[in-house]
Structure formats: structure tokens, C-alpha cells
């Protein structure tokens, strides 16, 4: 049973976009590894930008500086 965990920042991904991510990740495992889509699990974790760091700084801080 394949398990895919997608982590994105919580910035308003729509339910439709999340559905496309789930469908796309599932199809990728079918196409590349021949996995059964009925047993493929996809989880999307949405993380607050204060809780996601890059280069020693939160994404919130980087975005405030325009990065």
C-alpha cells in the first residue's frame, strides 16, 4: 500500500487543487510503479508559514522581505 505525504504551506489551496494533487500523485504511482490506485493513500499536510523554515528563517519572514 503506497503512502504519499504532500506538505504545502497553508496559503489557500482550493479543494479542487487538493483533489488534483491526490489524483495526480496516485496516477504517478500507477504509471511509474504499477501500483494499485485503490490501495494508494495520499495525505496533504498544510503547514503554517511560521512553522516552515528555509535557510534558517521562517517562510513568513522570507515573504515579508519579498523572497
C-alpha atoms as a PDB file:
ATOM      1  CA  UNK A   1       0.000   0.000   0.000  1.00  0.00           C
ATOM      2  CA  UNK A   2       1.814   3.149  -1.192  1.00  0.00           C
ATOM      3  CA  UNK A   3       1.638   6.156   1.113  1.00  0.00           C
ATOM      4  CA  UNK A   4       2.362   9.650  -0.209  1.00  0.00           C
ATOM      5  CA  UNK A   5       2.636  12.640   2.119  1.00  0.00           C
ATOM      6  CA  UNK A   6       2.457  16.040   0.427  1.00  0.00           C
ATOM      7  CA  UNK A   7       3.379  19.037   2.565  1.00  0.00           C
ATOM      8  CA  UNK A   8       2.397  22.505   1.418  1.00  0.00           C
ATOM      9  CA  UNK A   9       2.192  25.849   3.131  1.00  0.00           C
ATOM     10  CA  UNK A  10      -1.291  26.835   4.238  1.00  0.00           C
ATOM     11  CA  UNK A  11      -1.986  29.589   1.770  1.00  0.00           C
ATOM     12  CA  UNK A  12      -5.354  28.812   0.311  1.00  0.00           C
ATOM     13  CA  UNK A  13      -5.020  25.737  -1.870  1.00  0.00           C
ATOM     14  CA  UNK A  14      -8.555  25.089  -3.015  1.00  0.00           C
ATOM     15  CA  UNK A  15     -10.366  21.786  -2.546  1.00  0.00           C
ATOM     16  CA  UNK A  16     -10.181  21.358  -6.328  1.00  0.00           C
ATOM     17  CA  UNK A  17      -6.402  21.840  -6.323  1.00  0.00           C
ATOM     18  CA  UNK A  18      -6.007  19.337  -3.489  1.00  0.00           C
ATOM     19  CA  UNK A  19      -8.158  16.835  -5.367  1.00  0.00           C
ATOM     20  CA  UNK A  20      -5.899  17.252  -8.405  1.00  0.00           C
ATOM     21  CA  UNK A  21      -2.812  16.666  -6.237  1.00  0.00           C
ATOM     22  CA  UNK A  22      -4.343  13.482  -4.840  1.00  0.00           C
ATOM     23  CA  UNK A  23      -5.361  12.256  -8.291  1.00  0.00           C
ATOM     24  CA  UNK A  24      -2.015  13.179  -9.833  1.00  0.00           C
ATOM     25  CA  UNK A  25       0.118  11.551  -7.140  1.00  0.00           C
ATOM     26  CA  UNK A  26      -1.998   8.406  -7.331  1.00  0.00           C
ATOM     27  CA  UNK A  27      -1.724   8.269 -11.114  1.00  0.00           C
ATOM     28  CA  UNK A  28       2.043   8.801 -10.957  1.00  0.00           C
ATOM     29  CA  UNK A  29       2.419   5.710  -8.776  1.00  0.00           C
ATOM     30  CA  UNK A  30       0.220   3.751 -11.171  1.00  0.00           C
ATOM     31  CA  UNK A  31       2.191   4.899 -14.225  1.00  0.00           C
ATOM     32  CA  UNK A  32       5.713   4.581 -12.833  1.00  0.00           C
ATOM     33  CA  UNK A  33       5.487   1.684 -10.386  1.00  0.00           C
ATOM     34  CA  UNK A  34       2.341  -0.111 -11.469  1.00  0.00           C
ATOM     35  CA  UNK A  35       0.727   0.385  -8.049  1.00  0.00           C
ATOM     36  CA  UNK A  36      -2.946  -0.249  -7.400  1.00  0.00           C
ATOM     37  CA  UNK A  37      -4.769   3.099  -7.136  1.00  0.00           C
ATOM     38  CA  UNK A  38      -7.367   1.534  -4.817  1.00  0.00           C
ATOM     39  CA  UNK A  39      -4.724   0.949  -2.144  1.00  0.00           C
ATOM     40  CA  UNK A  40      -2.734   4.164  -2.640  1.00  0.00           C
ATOM     41  CA  UNK A  41      -3.013   6.635   0.228  1.00  0.00           C
ATOM     42  CA  UNK A  42      -2.283  10.347  -0.291  1.00  0.00           C
ATOM     43  CA  UNK A  43      -2.214  12.769   2.646  1.00  0.00           C
ATOM     44  CA  UNK A  44      -1.880  16.528   2.284  1.00  0.00           C
ATOM     45  CA  UNK A  45      -0.496  18.398   5.297  1.00  0.00           C
ATOM     46  CA  UNK A  46      -0.939  22.153   5.250  1.00  0.00           C
ATOM     47  CA  UNK A  47       1.698  23.890   7.343  1.00  0.00           C
ATOM     48  CA  UNK A  48       1.515  27.468   8.606  1.00  0.00           C
ATOM     49  CA  UNK A  49       4.304  29.563   7.092  1.00  0.00           C
ATOM     50  CA  UNK A  50       5.535  30.373  10.629  1.00  0.00           C
ATOM     51  CA  UNK A  51       6.210  26.648  11.052  1.00  0.00           C
ATOM     52  CA  UNK A  52       8.109  26.141   7.780  1.00  0.00           C
ATOM     53  CA  UNK A  53      11.720  27.261   7.640  1.00  0.00           C
ATOM     54  CA  UNK A  54      14.137  27.695   4.758  1.00  0.00           C
ATOM     55  CA  UNK A  55      17.724  28.824   5.168  1.00  0.00           C
ATOM     56  CA  UNK A  56      17.347  29.370   8.905  1.00  0.00           C
ATOM     57  CA  UNK A  57      14.291  31.598   8.611  1.00  0.00           C
ATOM     58  CA  UNK A  58      10.551  31.069   8.551  1.00  0.00           C
ATOM     59  CA  UNK A  59       8.718  31.329   5.260  1.00  0.00           C
ATOM     60  CA  UNK A  60       6.673  34.135   6.844  1.00  0.00           C
ATOM     61  CA  UNK A  61       9.848  36.162   7.424  1.00  0.00           C
ATOM     62  CA  UNK A  62      11.177  35.486   3.938  1.00  0.00           C
ATOM     63  CA  UNK A  63       7.896  36.519   2.350  1.00  0.00           C
ATOM     64  CA  UNK A  64       7.841  39.763   4.336  1.00  0.00           C
ATOM     65  CA  UNK A  65      11.210  40.569   2.776  1.00  0.00           C
ATOM     66  CA  UNK A  66       9.915  39.713  -0.681  1.00  0.00           C
ATOM     67  CA  UNK A  67      11.717  36.394  -1.135  1.00  0.00           C
END
